[in-house]
């Protein structure tokens, strides 16, 4: 994968980038080894139990090369020419992610989905612990110009025929702001930006309305994943003045239903899905059925279209009615992976959220 980041280069041995903010964008080429499927579940990152990692059982980084921007562009150009459909997937992680969290998560997405897009990790300065929520939030603002520059480059590169964006949690605010800026600057988004997938977005619903409006009519297909029992988003709502978070709305209720339909935004409601961690913040990250159903068309290069059974229908059948979809059939076209997007596996994360979200 290619990494583009506003993280500061780390001075610690064995650590590439820290959670602090760099003054200028930095780039790296990284290769990750993934153990055989029979030693781990789909949707699971096999973290090393000890160092050095055992490639037979653990995710392991086999190559890390920090490069300058011209070298990064050369790598991307060459990689796109080799891909079947000359597509790029840009992944933007969420809150509480250290650098290695984001790297391993994107590696897992690419492997488990069978996607053939060129993977680009846009990683922003996150300190990787719960009490740095405010710092992380401001880091998304700090990074938005750099992410827009990346999007602008992908829009200009004639070798790139299609761009998909996948964001999770707080990373959605960064993705939406960068797309909004680009649309305002360019008078719209490039047609090659096909899909934007918003997984459990930690975004104020009122702010989202303005962002979508500012993007204008020429914008990608948006797919929104929501879960009304997402405890992490409930905690965020309390912090931000009790305004609903986009990833926890009820898409069947007004005014959301009408607004989503008017903007042709497809919603996949995972509220009733019994999977995921205690926070219910990454349900489809822990659901092999959904990962595989989404990944199946990607591995063949044939996206689900409105002439086939919709993605939501597949999920409903696989989970015995646990998931519900809202939106148009055309909106269910998916050409990039939308599963397994949140690391957040550290035990203290759940512990602290449970503590802080308990009513007092």
Protein backbone atom coordinates (compact mmCIF):
# COMPACT_ATOMS: atom_id res chain seq x y z
CA UNK A 1 0.00 0.00 0.00
CA UNK A 2 0.95 3.63 -0.35
CA UNK A 3 0.68 5.74 2.80
CA UNK A 4 0.03 9.48 2.75
CA UNK A 5 0.03 11.13 6.15
CA UNK A 6 0.26 14.28 8.19
CA UNK A 7 1.69 12.29 11.09
CA UNK A 8 5.14 13.24 12.32
CA UNK A 9 7.97 10.83 11.62
CA UNK A 10 8.78 8.97 14.81
CA UNK A 11 12.13 9.11 16.56
CA UNK A 12 11.44 5.80 18.32
CA UNK A 13 13.10 2.70 16.87
CA UNK A 14 10.58 0.39 15.22
CA UNK A 15 7.91 3.09 14.95
CA UNK A 16 7.48 4.75 11.55
CA UNK A 17 5.03 7.57 12.34
CA UNK A 18 3.84 8.85 15.70
CA UNK A 19 0.50 10.33 16.70
CA UNK A 20 1.88 13.88 16.61
CA UNK A 21 1.38 16.34 13.76
CA UNK A 22 3.95 16.76 11.03
CA UNK A 23 4.56 20.08 9.30
CA UNK A 24 4.31 18.67 5.78
CA UNK A 25 2.81 15.53 4.20
CA UNK A 26 4.91 12.38 4.41
CA UNK A 27 4.74 9.19 2.35
CA UNK A 28 5.72 5.54 2.72
CA UNK A 29 5.43 2.31 0.79
CA UNK A 30 4.43 -0.60 3.02
CA UNK A 31 3.92 -4.33 2.45
CA UNK A 32 2.03 -6.47 4.96
CA UNK A 33 2.10 -10.26 5.19
CA UNK A 34 -1.19 -11.89 6.22
CA UNK A 35 -1.35 -15.41 7.70
CA UNK A 36 -3.40 -18.18 6.07
CA UNK A 37 -7.17 -17.98 6.36
CA UNK A 38 -7.34 -21.18 8.41
CA UNK A 39 -5.60 -19.52 11.38
CA UNK A 40 -7.84 -16.46 11.68
CA UNK A 41 -11.44 -15.41 11.09
CA UNK A 42 -12.51 -13.16 8.25
CA UNK A 43 -12.78 -9.66 9.69
CA UNK A 44 -10.05 -10.22 12.25
CA UNK A 45 -6.60 -8.66 12.52
CA UNK A 46 -4.16 -11.23 13.87
CA UNK A 47 -2.02 -8.98 16.03
CA UNK A 48 1.48 -10.31 16.84
CA UNK A 49 1.64 -11.96 20.23
CA UNK A 50 5.33 -11.19 20.49
CA UNK A 51 8.14 -9.63 18.47
CA UNK A 52 9.30 -10.46 15.93
CA UNK A 53 5.90 -11.54 14.55
CA UNK A 54 5.35 -15.03 13.20
CA UNK A 55 4.06 -14.73 9.59
CA UNK A 56 2.36 -18.12 9.94
CA UNK A 57 -0.01 -16.77 12.60
CA UNK A 58 0.37 -12.97 12.70
CA UNK A 59 0.06 -9.91 10.53
CA UNK A 60 3.62 -8.79 9.80
CA UNK A 61 5.08 -5.77 8.06
CA UNK A 62 7.66 -7.04 5.58
CA UNK A 63 8.60 -3.74 3.96
CA UNK A 64 8.57 -0.12 5.11
CA UNK A 65 10.18 2.47 2.89
CA UNK A 66 9.69 6.16 3.51
CA UNK A 67 9.62 8.00 0.19
CA UNK A 68 9.23 11.56 -1.10
CA UNK A 69 6.19 12.74 -3.00
CA UNK A 70 7.58 12.16 -6.53
CA UNK A 71 8.48 8.57 -5.61
CA UNK A 72 5.02 8.06 -4.11
CA UNK A 73 3.36 9.33 -7.29
CA UNK A 74 5.59 7.08 -9.40
CA UNK A 75 4.64 4.02 -7.29
CA UNK A 76 0.97 4.86 -7.51
CA UNK A 77 1.12 5.41 -11.26
CA UNK A 78 2.87 2.09 -11.85
CA UNK A 79 0.53 0.20 -9.51
CA UNK A 80 -2.61 1.61 -11.15
CA UNK A 81 -1.39 0.55 -14.61
CA UNK A 82 -1.13 -3.02 -13.32
CA UNK A 83 -4.59 -3.12 -11.73
CA UNK A 84 -7.47 -4.68 -13.72
CA UNK A 85 -9.75 -1.64 -13.65
CA UNK A 86 -7.21 1.07 -12.80
CA UNK A 87 -9.06 1.93 -9.61
CA UNK A 88 -7.85 3.31 -6.29
CA UNK A 89 -9.31 2.84 -2.83
CA UNK A 90 -8.52 5.57 -0.30
CA UNK A 91 -9.07 4.44 3.30
CA UNK A 92 -9.39 6.96 6.14
CA UNK A 93 -9.39 5.48 9.64
CA UNK A 94 -11.24 6.69 12.71
CA UNK A 95 -10.51 7.94 16.20
CA UNK A 96 -8.11 6.15 18.54
CA UNK A 97 -5.92 4.62 15.84
CA UNK A 98 -2.18 4.38 16.06
CA UNK A 99 -0.29 4.16 12.79
CA UNK A 100 0.03 0.38 12.86
CA UNK A 101 -3.70 0.04 13.58
CA UNK A 102 -4.55 1.81 10.33
CA UNK A 103 -1.97 -0.11 8.28
CA UNK A 104 -3.14 -3.53 9.43
CA UNK A 105 -6.80 -2.61 9.04
CA UNK A 106 -6.37 -1.57 5.41
CA UNK A 107 -4.34 -4.72 4.73
CA UNK A 108 -7.21 -6.76 6.14
CA UNK A 109 -9.80 -4.90 4.07
CA UNK A 110 -7.92 -5.59 0.85
CA UNK A 111 -7.31 -9.25 1.67
CA UNK A 112 -10.73 -10.19 3.03
CA UNK A 113 -12.71 -8.38 0.36
CA UNK A 114 -10.66 -9.61 -2.58
CA UNK A 115 -10.62 -6.07 -3.95
CA UNK A 116 -8.19 -5.40 -6.76
CA UNK A 117 -8.04 -1.62 -6.33
CA UNK A 118 -4.73 0.03 -5.51
CA UNK A 119 -4.79 0.67 -1.72
CA UNK A 120 -3.94 4.12 -0.41
CA UNK A 121 -3.96 4.78 3.33
CA UNK A 122 -4.66 8.41 4.25
CA UNK A 123 -3.72 8.41 7.92
CA UNK A 124 -4.05 11.47 10.12
CA UNK A 125 -2.42 12.27 13.49
CA UNK A 126 -4.29 10.25 16.10
CA UNK A 127 -2.64 9.64 19.45
CA UNK A 128 -4.36 6.29 19.78
CA UNK A 129 -6.01 6.60 23.18
CA UNK A 130 -9.45 7.60 24.38
CA UNK A 131 -8.59 10.70 26.36
CA UNK A 132 -7.09 12.31 23.24
CA UNK A 133 -10.54 12.70 21.65
CA UNK A 134 -10.28 16.49 21.35
CA UNK A 135 -6.75 16.32 19.95
CA UNK A 136 -7.81 13.73 17.39
CA UNK A 137 -10.80 15.82 16.35
CA UNK A 138 -8.62 18.86 15.70
CA UNK A 139 -6.17 16.64 13.84
CA UNK A 140 -8.84 15.89 11.24
CA UNK A 141 -9.15 19.65 10.61
CA UNK A 142 -5.36 19.88 10.47
CA UNK A 143 -5.27 17.19 7.76
CA UNK A 144 -8.10 18.23 5.45
CA UNK A 145 -5.96 20.34 3.08
CA UNK A 146 -3.48 17.49 2.67
CA UNK A 147 -6.28 15.02 1.95
CA UNK A 148 -7.79 17.39 -0.60
CA UNK A 149 -4.37 17.61 -2.28
CA UNK A 150 -4.34 13.81 -2.51
CA UNK A 151 -7.84 13.79 -4.00
CA UNK A 152 -6.85 16.52 -6.47
CA UNK A 153 -3.85 14.48 -7.59
CA UNK A 154 -5.99 11.38 -8.12
CA UNK A 155 -8.45 13.49 -10.08
CA UNK A 156 -5.68 14.77 -12.38
CA UNK A 157 -3.86 11.46 -12.91
CA UNK A 158 -5.04 10.14 -16.26
CA UNK A 159 -3.94 6.61 -15.34
CA UNK A 160 -6.52 6.49 -12.51
CA UNK A 161 -9.94 5.64 -13.94
CA UNK A 162 -11.93 5.26 -10.71
CA UNK A 163 -11.60 6.42 -7.10
CA UNK A 164 -13.50 5.09 -4.09
CA UNK A 165 -13.29 6.50 -0.59
CA UNK A 166 -13.90 4.48 2.56
CA UNK A 167 -13.99 6.29 5.90
CA UNK A 168 -14.79 5.21 9.42
CA UNK A 169 -16.02 7.06 12.52
CA UNK A 170 -14.19 10.38 13.01
CA UNK A 171 -12.39 9.83 9.71
CA UNK A 172 -15.67 10.60 7.96
CA UNK A 173 -15.48 14.24 9.03
CA UNK A 174 -12.07 14.49 7.40
CA UNK A 175 -13.22 12.75 4.23
CA UNK A 176 -16.35 14.88 3.86
CA UNK A 177 -14.51 18.14 4.50
CA UNK A 178 -11.82 17.33 1.93
CA UNK A 179 -14.43 16.36 -0.67
CA UNK A 180 -16.41 19.52 0.11
CA UNK A 181 -13.35 21.73 -0.32
CA UNK A 182 -12.48 20.02 -3.60
CA UNK A 183 -16.01 20.43 -4.94
CA UNK A 184 -16.11 24.13 -4.07
CA UNK A 185 -12.68 24.73 -5.58
CA UNK A 186 -13.40 22.78 -8.78
CA UNK A 187 -17.08 23.48 -9.21
CA UNK A 188 -17.90 19.83 -8.56
CA UNK A 189 -16.20 16.49 -7.98
CA UNK A 190 -14.54 14.53 -10.80
CA UNK A 191 -16.75 11.83 -12.37
CA UNK A 192 -14.07 9.24 -11.61
CA UNK A 193 -14.91 9.61 -7.88
CA UNK A 194 -17.52 6.86 -7.96
CA UNK A 195 -18.22 5.75 -4.39
CA UNK A 196 -17.96 7.28 -0.93
CA UNK A 197 -18.68 4.86 1.91
CA UNK A 198 -19.42 6.31 5.34
CA UNK A 199 -19.08 3.69 8.07
CA UNK A 200 -20.44 4.67 11.51
CA UNK A 201 -19.73 8.35 10.79
CA UNK A 202 -19.04 10.49 13.85
CA UNK A 203 -20.47 13.54 12.08
CA UNK A 204 -23.06 16.08 13.23
CA UNK A 205 -26.19 15.55 11.09
CA UNK A 206 -26.65 19.30 10.63
CA UNK A 207 -23.07 19.68 9.42
CA UNK A 208 -23.54 16.76 7.03
CA UNK A 209 -26.51 18.54 5.41
CA UNK A 210 -24.32 21.53 4.57
CA UNK A 211 -21.43 19.38 3.35
CA UNK A 212 -23.63 17.48 0.92
CA UNK A 213 -25.23 20.70 -0.30
CA UNK A 214 -21.82 22.31 -0.86
CA UNK A 215 -20.70 19.38 -3.01
CA UNK A 216 -23.43 20.18 -5.54
CA UNK A 217 -25.19 17.77 -7.86
CA UNK A 218 -22.05 16.26 -9.37
CA UNK A 219 -20.97 13.97 -6.58
CA UNK A 220 -20.23 10.28 -6.00
CA UNK A 221 -22.68 7.63 -4.84
CA UNK A 222 -22.86 7.72 -1.06
CA UNK A 223 -23.48 4.63 1.05
CA UNK A 224 -24.14 5.16 4.74
CA UNK A 225 -23.83 2.46 7.42
CA UNK A 226 -25.79 3.19 10.59
CA UNK A 227 -26.54 1.47 13.88
CA UNK A 228 -28.81 3.07 16.45
CA UNK A 229 -27.22 1.12 19.30
CA UNK A 230 -23.70 2.42 18.58
CA UNK A 231 -22.44 3.30 22.07
CA UNK A 232 -19.36 5.14 20.86
CA UNK A 233 -21.55 7.51 18.85
CA UNK A 234 -23.91 7.90 21.79
CA UNK A 235 -20.92 9.04 23.84
CA UNK A 236 -19.90 11.46 21.07
CA UNK A 237 -23.43 12.87 20.95
CA UNK A 238 -23.19 13.75 24.63
CA UNK A 239 -19.92 15.59 24.01
CA UNK A 240 -21.25 17.60 21.07
CA UNK A 241 -24.36 19.14 22.59
CA UNK A 242 -26.82 16.27 22.13
CA UNK A 243 -26.94 16.70 18.34
CA UNK A 244 -27.48 13.30 16.64
CA UNK A 245 -24.47 11.70 14.98
CA UNK A 246 -24.95 10.64 11.38
CA UNK A 247 -23.96 7.04 12.05
CA UNK A 248 -26.68 6.55 14.66
CA UNK A 249 -29.77 8.04 13.00
CA UNK A 250 -32.99 6.14 12.35
CA UNK A 251 -33.18 6.28 8.54
CA UNK A 252 -36.90 5.45 8.56
CA UNK A 253 -37.82 8.56 10.56
CA UNK A 254 -38.44 12.07 9.27
CA UNK A 255 -36.65 14.18 8.28
CA UNK A 256 -33.85 11.70 7.59
CA UNK A 257 -35.80 9.39 5.30
CA UNK A 258 -36.83 12.23 3.00
CA UNK A 259 -33.40 13.87 3.00
CA UNK A 260 -31.57 10.64 2.26
CA UNK A 261 -33.94 9.87 -0.61
CA UNK A 262 -33.64 13.39 -2.02
CA UNK A 263 -29.84 13.10 -2.05
CA UNK A 264 -29.89 9.53 -3.41
CA UNK A 265 -27.95 8.26 -0.37
CA UNK A 266 -28.25 4.55 0.31
CA UNK A 267 -28.45 3.46 3.93
CA UNK A 268 -27.65 0.04 5.31
CA UNK A 269 -29.11 -0.22 8.80
CA UNK A 270 -27.24 -2.73 10.98
CA UNK A 271 -29.05 -1.96 14.23
CA UNK A 272 -30.50 -5.44 14.63
CA UNK A 273 -27.35 -7.22 13.56
CA UNK A 274 -25.99 -9.23 16.50
CA UNK A 275 -22.31 -8.90 15.81
CA UNK A 276 -19.41 -6.68 16.72
CA UNK A 277 -17.80 -5.44 19.90
CA UNK A 278 -19.49 -4.20 23.07
CA UNK A 279 -19.66 -0.69 21.66
CA UNK A 280 -21.51 -1.82 18.52
CA UNK A 281 -19.26 0.60 16.64
CA UNK A 282 -17.81 -1.85 14.13
CA UNK A 283 -20.49 -4.47 13.61
CA UNK A 284 -19.74 -5.32 10.02
CA UNK A 285 -16.07 -5.48 10.90
CA UNK A 286 -16.86 -8.63 12.87
CA UNK A 287 -19.44 -10.18 10.53
CA UNK A 288 -17.82 -12.63 8.09
CA UNK A 289 -21.08 -12.94 6.13
CA UNK A 290 -21.21 -9.25 5.33
CA UNK A 291 -17.50 -9.04 4.56
CA UNK A 292 -17.73 -11.95 2.16
CA UNK A 293 -20.95 -10.80 0.53
CA UNK A 294 -19.48 -7.40 -0.14
CA UNK A 295 -16.17 -8.83 -1.25
CA UNK A 296 -17.61 -11.40 -3.67
CA UNK A 297 -18.40 -8.98 -6.52
CA UNK A 298 -15.12 -7.16 -5.93
CA UNK A 299 -13.03 -10.25 -6.50
CA UNK A 300 -14.70 -10.87 -9.88
CA UNK A 301 -14.60 -7.24 -10.93
CA UNK A 302 -18.38 -7.22 -11.40
CA UNK A 303 -20.16 -4.81 -9.08
CA UNK A 304 -23.64 -5.45 -7.80
CA UNK A 305 -26.08 -3.49 -9.96
CA UNK A 306 -29.76 -2.74 -9.96
CA UNK A 307 -30.24 -5.64 -12.39
CA UNK A 308 -29.12 -8.10 -9.73
CA UNK A 309 -30.33 -8.84 -6.25
CA UNK A 310 -29.38 -5.83 -4.16
CA UNK A 311 -26.62 -5.81 -1.59
CA UNK A 312 -29.13 -5.21 1.18
CA UNK A 313 -31.18 -8.22 0.10
CA UNK A 314 -28.09 -10.41 0.28
CA UNK A 315 -27.32 -9.15 3.76
CA UNK A 316 -30.89 -9.70 4.92
CA UNK A 317 -30.78 -13.31 3.72
CA UNK A 318 -27.37 -13.96 5.24
CA UNK A 319 -28.28 -12.55 8.63
CA UNK A 320 -31.85 -13.86 8.77
CA UNK A 321 -33.43 -10.45 8.69
CA UNK A 322 -30.96 -8.80 11.00
CA UNK A 323 -30.05 -6.01 8.60
CA UNK A 324 -32.30 -3.54 6.87
CA UNK A 325 -31.64 -1.34 3.85
CA UNK A 326 -33.11 1.96 2.82
CA UNK A 327 -32.53 3.67 -0.51
CA UNK A 328 -32.72 3.18 -4.23
CA UNK A 329 -31.62 0.09 -6.09
CA UNK A 330 -29.10 2.14 -8.05
CA UNK A 331 -27.63 3.32 -4.77
CA UNK A 332 -26.79 -0.25 -3.84
CA UNK A 333 -24.10 -0.48 -6.49
CA UNK A 334 -20.83 -1.04 -4.62
CA UNK A 335 -17.45 -1.22 -6.28
CA UNK A 336 -15.16 -0.95 -3.29
CA UNK A 337 -14.94 -2.76 0.04
CA UNK A 338 -17.06 -1.43 2.86
CA UNK A 339 -16.26 -3.91 5.62
CA UNK A 340 -13.76 -4.27 8.44
CA UNK A 341 -12.96 -0.64 8.97
CA UNK A 342 -12.26 -0.13 12.64
CA UNK A 343 -9.32 -1.40 14.67
CA UNK A 344 -10.25 -0.35 18.22
CA UNK A 345 -9.35 -3.76 19.61
CA UNK A 346 -7.55 -2.58 22.70
CA UNK A 347 -9.41 -3.67 25.82
CA UNK A 348 -9.09 -0.30 27.57
CA UNK A 349 -11.07 1.40 24.76
CA UNK A 350 -14.26 -0.47 25.63
CA UNK A 351 -13.59 -0.06 29.33
CA UNK A 352 -13.21 3.73 29.16
CA UNK A 353 -16.24 4.22 26.89
CA UNK A 354 -18.35 2.11 29.23
CA UNK A 355 -17.19 4.18 32.17
CA UNK A 356 -17.71 7.59 30.54
CA UNK A 357 -21.02 6.70 28.90
CA UNK A 358 -22.67 5.52 32.14
CA UNK A 359 -25.42 7.99 33.14
CA UNK A 360 -24.65 9.97 36.30
